[in-house]
């Protein structure tokens, strides 16, 4: 097991609503992070093709507009089939970089109606392989209109030469039982891509690091209003939005809750750090949330990891 790893968080904006150009931008950023020696490269939530902050897609209680449906179709059309050409391109970039890459995408369902998209984290290995994916279990507030819900079949923690890697997306991290599912699998590099740029989010990632005695890598976008396509059907919805739509706040926290890299706001950037993995067992000396500090005689968590299906064919 390696004792050191260099990680990179890519705080950047996509080419909003444009899968192909966003993928090209991501590949260039992977290359740049690799040139800085990164062995693990993390992107924000919903990087490909966008986190559609500020848009309602023409919805209100009881009705939807045709203009909103047009923008929704554009979002759906630029979502990411998994696997597919986009995942191949990202995998090839990970192989060229000889790095693990964690990418936030809007995933298009390929298994049934193809009418649902999910907020998904994809994990790529340094050989270019897609190692696993996590679909957001509970979209927050208006996100529930545009994204489906994941299930317990996509809660991976992935073995790497640097320890176990896994995580949750944005406000899933406020779900104590979901965090416990990660801890129970021994997560050491906890990936927390987000769209939350509030200062209070920092208290969340510091708590998780201290609770899980793990490194927490939280990556967000930096997005301004002028980055949105000017031909959106519902562009007027953004008129009263601030010029800076998402200010960033990407940060890296160590297993005792202290910043390794403090949050960065107000710009696109690649944040890098060298992590000393020996700090993880050192930190668990006095607190191991699912080990010597647990009380399974009192508290137990049951997890359903079966893939949920709306239609099941019973064979005779």
Protein backbone atom coordinates (compact mmCIF):
# COMPACT_ATOMS: atom_id res chain seq x y z
CA UNK A 1 0.00 0.00 0.00
CA UNK A 2 1.32 3.41 -0.97
CA UNK A 3 1.73 5.93 1.85
CA UNK A 4 1.53 9.14 -0.21
CA UNK A 5 -0.75 10.32 -3.00
CA UNK A 6 -0.92 13.58 -4.92
CA UNK A 7 -4.52 14.62 -5.58
CA UNK A 8 -6.06 17.36 -7.69
CA UNK A 9 -9.48 19.02 -7.49
CA UNK A 10 -10.65 20.65 -10.73
CA UNK A 11 -12.71 23.72 -9.84
CA UNK A 12 -14.04 24.72 -13.24
CA UNK A 13 -17.18 25.31 -15.26
CA UNK A 14 -18.45 23.08 -18.04
CA UNK A 15 -19.36 24.35 -21.46
CA UNK A 16 -22.92 24.45 -20.23
CA UNK A 17 -25.42 22.17 -21.96
CA UNK A 18 -22.71 20.93 -24.35
CA UNK A 19 -21.53 17.37 -23.69
CA UNK A 20 -18.91 17.15 -26.42
CA UNK A 21 -17.16 20.45 -25.71
CA UNK A 22 -17.34 19.90 -21.95
CA UNK A 23 -15.73 16.49 -22.40
CA UNK A 24 -12.95 18.09 -24.46
CA UNK A 25 -12.42 20.69 -21.72
CA UNK A 26 -12.34 17.94 -19.08
CA UNK A 27 -9.71 16.00 -21.05
CA UNK A 28 -7.50 19.10 -21.22
CA UNK A 29 -7.92 19.65 -17.47
CA UNK A 30 -7.05 16.00 -16.76
CA UNK A 31 -3.90 16.45 -18.81
CA UNK A 32 -3.00 19.64 -16.93
CA UNK A 33 -3.58 18.02 -13.53
CA UNK A 34 -1.45 15.04 -14.57
CA UNK A 35 1.36 17.38 -15.59
CA UNK A 36 1.31 18.57 -11.97
CA UNK A 37 1.82 14.99 -10.83
CA UNK A 38 -1.75 14.21 -9.78
CA UNK A 39 -2.53 10.52 -9.24
CA UNK A 40 -6.19 11.17 -8.36
CA UNK A 41 -8.15 13.88 -10.22
CA UNK A 42 -11.61 14.90 -9.01
CA UNK A 43 -14.25 16.91 -10.88
CA UNK A 44 -17.40 18.59 -9.50
CA UNK A 45 -20.96 17.33 -9.33
CA UNK A 46 -22.81 17.32 -12.67
CA UNK A 47 -19.80 18.60 -14.61
CA UNK A 48 -20.95 17.02 -17.88
CA UNK A 49 -23.04 18.71 -19.23
CA UNK A 50 -24.12 21.13 -16.44
CA UNK A 51 -25.61 21.75 -13.04
CA UNK A 52 -28.52 23.89 -14.34
CA UNK A 53 -28.55 26.36 -11.47
CA UNK A 54 -31.25 29.02 -11.71
CA UNK A 55 -33.38 27.25 -14.31
CA UNK A 56 -36.91 26.00 -13.62
CA UNK A 57 -37.42 24.34 -17.02
CA UNK A 58 -40.69 26.25 -17.18
CA UNK A 59 -42.25 24.50 -14.21
CA UNK A 60 -44.64 25.51 -11.50
CA UNK A 61 -47.04 23.45 -9.44
CA UNK A 62 -49.64 22.09 -11.82
CA UNK A 63 -48.05 22.96 -15.16
CA UNK A 64 -45.00 22.83 -17.43
CA UNK A 65 -44.26 25.10 -20.39
CA UNK A 66 -43.25 24.06 -23.90
CA UNK A 67 -40.20 26.35 -23.64
CA UNK A 68 -39.16 24.44 -20.55
CA UNK A 69 -39.58 21.16 -22.36
CA UNK A 70 -37.27 22.46 -25.10
CA UNK A 71 -34.56 23.27 -22.56
CA UNK A 72 -35.12 19.92 -20.85
CA UNK A 73 -34.66 18.12 -24.17
CA UNK A 74 -31.39 19.96 -24.67
CA UNK A 75 -30.26 18.87 -21.20
CA UNK A 76 -31.34 15.27 -21.85
CA UNK A 77 -29.74 15.22 -25.31
CA UNK A 78 -26.40 16.30 -23.82
CA UNK A 79 -26.55 13.84 -20.91
CA UNK A 80 -24.10 10.94 -20.76
CA UNK A 81 -24.88 7.32 -21.69
CA UNK A 82 -22.90 5.02 -19.39
CA UNK A 83 -20.99 3.33 -20.91
CA UNK A 84 -20.65 5.20 -24.18
CA UNK A 85 -18.42 7.40 -26.29
CA UNK A 86 -18.08 10.04 -23.56
CA UNK A 87 -16.97 7.54 -20.93
CA UNK A 88 -14.51 6.08 -23.43
CA UNK A 89 -12.97 9.52 -24.00
CA UNK A 90 -12.66 10.18 -20.27
CA UNK A 91 -11.26 6.68 -19.73
CA UNK A 92 -8.67 7.23 -22.45
CA UNK A 93 -7.67 10.50 -20.79
CA UNK A 94 -7.31 8.75 -17.42
CA UNK A 95 -5.10 6.10 -19.06
CA UNK A 96 -2.94 8.73 -20.74
CA UNK A 97 -2.63 10.54 -17.40
CA UNK A 98 -1.97 7.28 -15.52
CA UNK A 99 -4.36 8.59 -12.87
CA UNK A 100 -7.61 7.77 -11.19
CA UNK A 101 -10.31 10.19 -12.38
CA UNK A 102 -13.61 10.93 -10.63
CA UNK A 103 -16.12 12.66 -12.90
CA UNK A 104 -19.54 14.12 -12.15
CA UNK A 105 -22.01 13.58 -14.99
CA UNK A 106 -25.69 13.66 -15.73
CA UNK A 107 -26.24 10.04 -16.72
CA UNK A 108 -28.92 9.06 -19.22
CA UNK A 109 -30.75 5.85 -18.37
CA UNK A 110 -29.95 3.22 -21.01
CA UNK A 111 -31.78 0.27 -19.47
CA UNK A 112 -35.47 1.03 -19.88
CA UNK A 113 -37.36 4.07 -21.18
CA UNK A 114 -34.28 6.30 -21.62
CA UNK A 115 -36.45 9.15 -20.30
CA UNK A 116 -34.71 9.52 -16.93
CA UNK A 117 -31.38 11.11 -16.07
CA UNK A 118 -29.38 10.69 -12.87
CA UNK A 119 -26.80 12.82 -11.11
CA UNK A 120 -23.92 10.35 -11.14
CA UNK A 121 -20.30 10.08 -10.07
CA UNK A 122 -18.09 7.94 -12.33
CA UNK A 123 -14.82 6.35 -11.17
CA UNK A 124 -12.11 5.65 -13.75
CA UNK A 125 -8.86 3.76 -13.22
CA UNK A 126 -5.40 4.54 -14.60
CA UNK A 127 -5.79 1.79 -17.20
CA UNK A 128 -8.79 3.68 -18.59
CA UNK A 129 -11.38 1.30 -17.17
CA UNK A 130 -14.70 2.44 -15.67
CA UNK A 131 -14.39 1.08 -12.14
CA UNK A 132 -17.83 1.99 -10.84
CA UNK A 133 -20.54 4.60 -10.53
CA UNK A 134 -22.71 6.15 -7.86
CA UNK A 135 -26.13 7.58 -8.59
CA UNK A 136 -27.32 10.28 -6.21
CA UNK A 137 -29.80 8.66 -3.83
CA UNK A 138 -31.92 11.72 -3.09
CA UNK A 139 -31.91 14.78 -5.33
CA UNK A 140 -32.54 17.95 -3.33
CA UNK A 141 -35.61 20.18 -3.69
CA UNK A 142 -36.15 21.15 -7.37
CA UNK A 143 -33.46 18.68 -8.44
CA UNK A 144 -36.12 16.02 -7.90
CA UNK A 145 -37.98 17.26 -10.96
CA UNK A 146 -35.05 16.71 -13.30
CA UNK A 147 -33.11 13.77 -11.81
CA UNK A 148 -34.17 10.27 -10.87
CA UNK A 149 -33.19 8.61 -7.59
CA UNK A 150 -30.39 6.08 -7.36
CA UNK A 151 -30.63 2.91 -5.28
CA UNK A 152 -28.39 0.82 -3.07
CA UNK A 153 -26.81 -1.00 -6.00
CA UNK A 154 -24.53 1.97 -6.74
CA UNK A 155 -22.75 2.63 -3.45
CA UNK A 156 -19.25 1.54 -4.41
CA UNK A 157 -16.06 1.86 -2.44
CA UNK A 158 -13.16 1.09 -4.75
CA UNK A 159 -9.82 -0.47 -3.86
CA UNK A 160 -6.81 1.52 -5.05
CA UNK A 161 -3.06 1.32 -4.25
CA UNK A 162 -3.68 4.38 -2.06
CA UNK A 163 -6.58 3.00 -0.03
CA UNK A 164 -10.31 2.73 -0.47
CA UNK A 165 -12.06 5.44 -2.49
CA UNK A 166 -15.77 6.29 -2.51
CA UNK A 167 -18.20 8.98 -1.52
CA UNK A 168 -21.51 10.77 -1.79
CA UNK A 169 -22.80 13.72 -3.81
CA UNK A 170 -23.59 17.12 -2.28
CA UNK A 171 -26.48 17.01 0.23
CA UNK A 172 -26.45 13.20 0.35
CA UNK A 173 -23.64 13.92 2.78
CA UNK A 174 -26.23 15.19 5.26
CA UNK A 175 -27.73 11.66 5.36
CA UNK A 176 -26.11 9.97 8.40
CA UNK A 177 -27.01 6.46 7.27
CA UNK A 178 -25.58 7.01 3.79
CA UNK A 179 -22.33 8.20 5.36
CA UNK A 180 -22.34 5.13 7.59
CA UNK A 181 -22.65 2.93 4.50
CA UNK A 182 -19.43 4.52 3.23
CA UNK A 183 -17.62 4.17 6.55
CA UNK A 184 -18.68 0.52 6.86
CA UNK A 185 -16.88 -0.20 3.57
CA UNK A 186 -13.68 1.32 4.93
CA UNK A 187 -13.57 4.49 2.84
CA UNK A 188 -10.29 6.38 3.23
CA UNK A 189 -10.42 8.82 0.30
CA UNK A 190 -13.91 10.26 0.65
CA UNK A 191 -15.04 12.05 -2.54
CA UNK A 192 -17.70 14.75 -2.00
CA UNK A 193 -18.46 16.55 -5.28
CA UNK A 194 -20.95 19.33 -4.66
CA UNK A 195 -22.86 22.33 -5.98
CA UNK A 196 -22.93 23.99 -2.54
CA UNK A 197 -20.71 27.06 -2.32
CA UNK A 198 -21.99 28.23 1.07
CA UNK A 199 -19.53 28.70 3.89
CA UNK A 200 -21.56 26.33 6.05
CA UNK A 201 -20.77 23.49 3.60
CA UNK A 202 -17.23 23.67 4.91
CA UNK A 203 -18.44 22.62 8.35
CA UNK A 204 -20.03 19.58 6.70
CA UNK A 205 -16.89 18.31 5.00
CA UNK A 206 -14.78 18.97 8.08
CA UNK A 207 -17.25 17.01 10.20
CA UNK A 208 -17.21 14.08 7.75
CA UNK A 209 -13.42 13.97 7.79
CA UNK A 210 -13.40 13.97 11.58
CA UNK A 211 -16.26 11.49 11.87
CA UNK A 212 -14.98 9.06 9.24
CA UNK A 213 -11.29 9.64 10.00
CA UNK A 214 -10.69 9.94 6.27
CA UNK A 215 -9.49 12.50 3.75
CA UNK A 216 -12.41 14.43 2.25
CA UNK A 217 -12.03 15.86 -1.25
CA UNK A 218 -14.84 18.30 -1.98
CA UNK A 219 -14.95 19.76 -5.49
CA UNK A 220 -17.31 22.45 -6.79
CA UNK A 221 -17.75 24.46 -9.98
CA UNK A 222 -17.01 28.14 -10.58
CA UNK A 223 -19.77 29.44 -12.89
CA UNK A 224 -20.83 32.90 -14.03
CA UNK A 225 -24.11 33.85 -15.66
CA UNK A 226 -22.49 34.79 -18.96
CA UNK A 227 -21.38 31.16 -19.38
CA UNK A 228 -24.99 30.06 -20.05
CA UNK A 229 -26.00 29.57 -23.70
CA UNK A 230 -27.76 32.70 -24.92
CA UNK A 231 -30.25 30.67 -26.95
CA UNK A 232 -31.93 28.87 -24.05
CA UNK A 233 -35.70 28.97 -24.45
CA UNK A 234 -36.09 30.01 -20.79
CA UNK A 235 -33.08 32.31 -20.58
CA UNK A 236 -35.19 35.10 -19.06
CA UNK A 237 -35.41 33.00 -15.88
CA UNK A 238 -31.82 34.06 -15.17
CA UNK A 239 -32.38 37.83 -15.37
CA UNK A 240 -32.48 38.32 -11.60
CA UNK A 241 -29.75 35.83 -10.80
CA UNK A 242 -26.32 37.08 -9.59
CA UNK A 243 -23.45 37.38 -12.02
CA UNK A 244 -21.51 34.70 -10.13
CA UNK A 245 -23.85 31.73 -10.13
CA UNK A 246 -21.50 29.43 -8.18
CA UNK A 247 -18.40 30.78 -6.46
CA UNK A 248 -16.58 27.47 -5.83
CA UNK A 249 -15.27 26.55 -2.40
CA UNK A 250 -13.40 23.36 -3.33
CA UNK A 251 -11.27 22.13 -0.44
CA UNK A 252 -9.35 19.16 0.97
CA UNK A 253 -9.68 18.13 4.61
CA UNK A 254 -7.51 15.73 6.58
CA UNK A 255 -8.73 12.91 8.88
CA UNK A 256 -8.55 15.10 11.99
CA UNK A 257 -10.81 17.73 10.45
CA UNK A 258 -8.07 20.23 9.57
CA UNK A 259 -7.71 21.77 6.12
CA UNK A 260 -5.02 20.35 3.86
CA UNK A 261 -6.13 22.88 1.22
CA UNK A 262 -8.42 25.69 2.33
CA UNK A 263 -11.47 26.54 0.19
CA UNK A 264 -10.85 28.51 -2.98
CA UNK A 265 -13.50 30.94 -4.21
CA UNK A 266 -13.98 33.26 -7.14
CA UNK A 267 -12.03 31.56 -9.91
CA UNK A 268 -11.40 28.41 -11.90
CA UNK A 269 -8.42 26.56 -10.50
CA UNK A 270 -6.77 23.17 -10.01
CA UNK A 271 -6.07 22.53 -6.33
CA UNK A 272 -3.34 20.01 -5.60
CA UNK A 273 -2.01 18.43 -2.41
CA UNK A 274 0.17 15.57 -1.26
CA UNK A 275 -1.72 13.41 1.24
CA UNK A 276 0.08 11.35 3.87
CA UNK A 277 -2.06 8.22 4.11
CA UNK A 278 -0.43 7.20 7.39
CA UNK A 279 -2.60 9.87 9.02
CA UNK A 280 -5.67 7.67 8.55
CA UNK A 281 -4.75 4.82 10.94
CA UNK A 282 -3.12 7.36 13.24
CA UNK A 283 -6.38 9.29 13.44
CA UNK A 284 -8.40 6.12 14.13
CA UNK A 285 -6.32 5.36 17.23
CA UNK A 286 -8.88 7.11 19.44
CA UNK A 287 -11.98 7.07 17.21
CA UNK A 288 -13.07 4.47 14.64
CA UNK A 289 -16.72 5.10 13.83
CA UNK A 290 -17.49 1.54 12.64
CA UNK A 291 -14.72 -0.14 14.64
CA UNK A 292 -13.90 0.18 18.33
CA UNK A 293 -16.20 3.21 18.72
CA UNK A 294 -19.25 1.38 17.36
CA UNK A 295 -21.95 -0.33 19.41
CA UNK A 296 -23.49 -2.96 17.12
CA UNK A 297 -25.22 -4.50 20.14
CA UNK A 298 -27.37 -1.33 20.21
CA UNK A 299 -27.25 0.21 16.72
CA UNK A 300 -27.25 -1.58 13.37
CA UNK A 301 -27.75 -0.37 9.79
CA UNK A 302 -29.37 -2.56 7.13
CA UNK A 303 -28.58 -1.74 3.49
CA UNK A 304 -30.52 -3.01 0.50
CA UNK A 305 -27.94 -3.23 -2.28
CA UNK A 306 -30.24 -4.83 -4.84
CA UNK A 307 -30.96 -2.99 -8.06
CA UNK A 308 -34.57 -1.80 -8.02
CA UNK A 309 -36.74 -2.50 -11.06
CA UNK A 310 -40.25 -1.30 -11.78
CA UNK A 311 -40.97 -4.38 -13.89
CA UNK A 312 -39.84 -7.91 -13.10
CA UNK A 313 -40.45 -10.82 -15.42
CA UNK A 314 -41.29 -14.03 -13.60
CA UNK A 315 -39.98 -17.06 -15.46
CA UNK A 316 -42.04 -20.21 -15.47
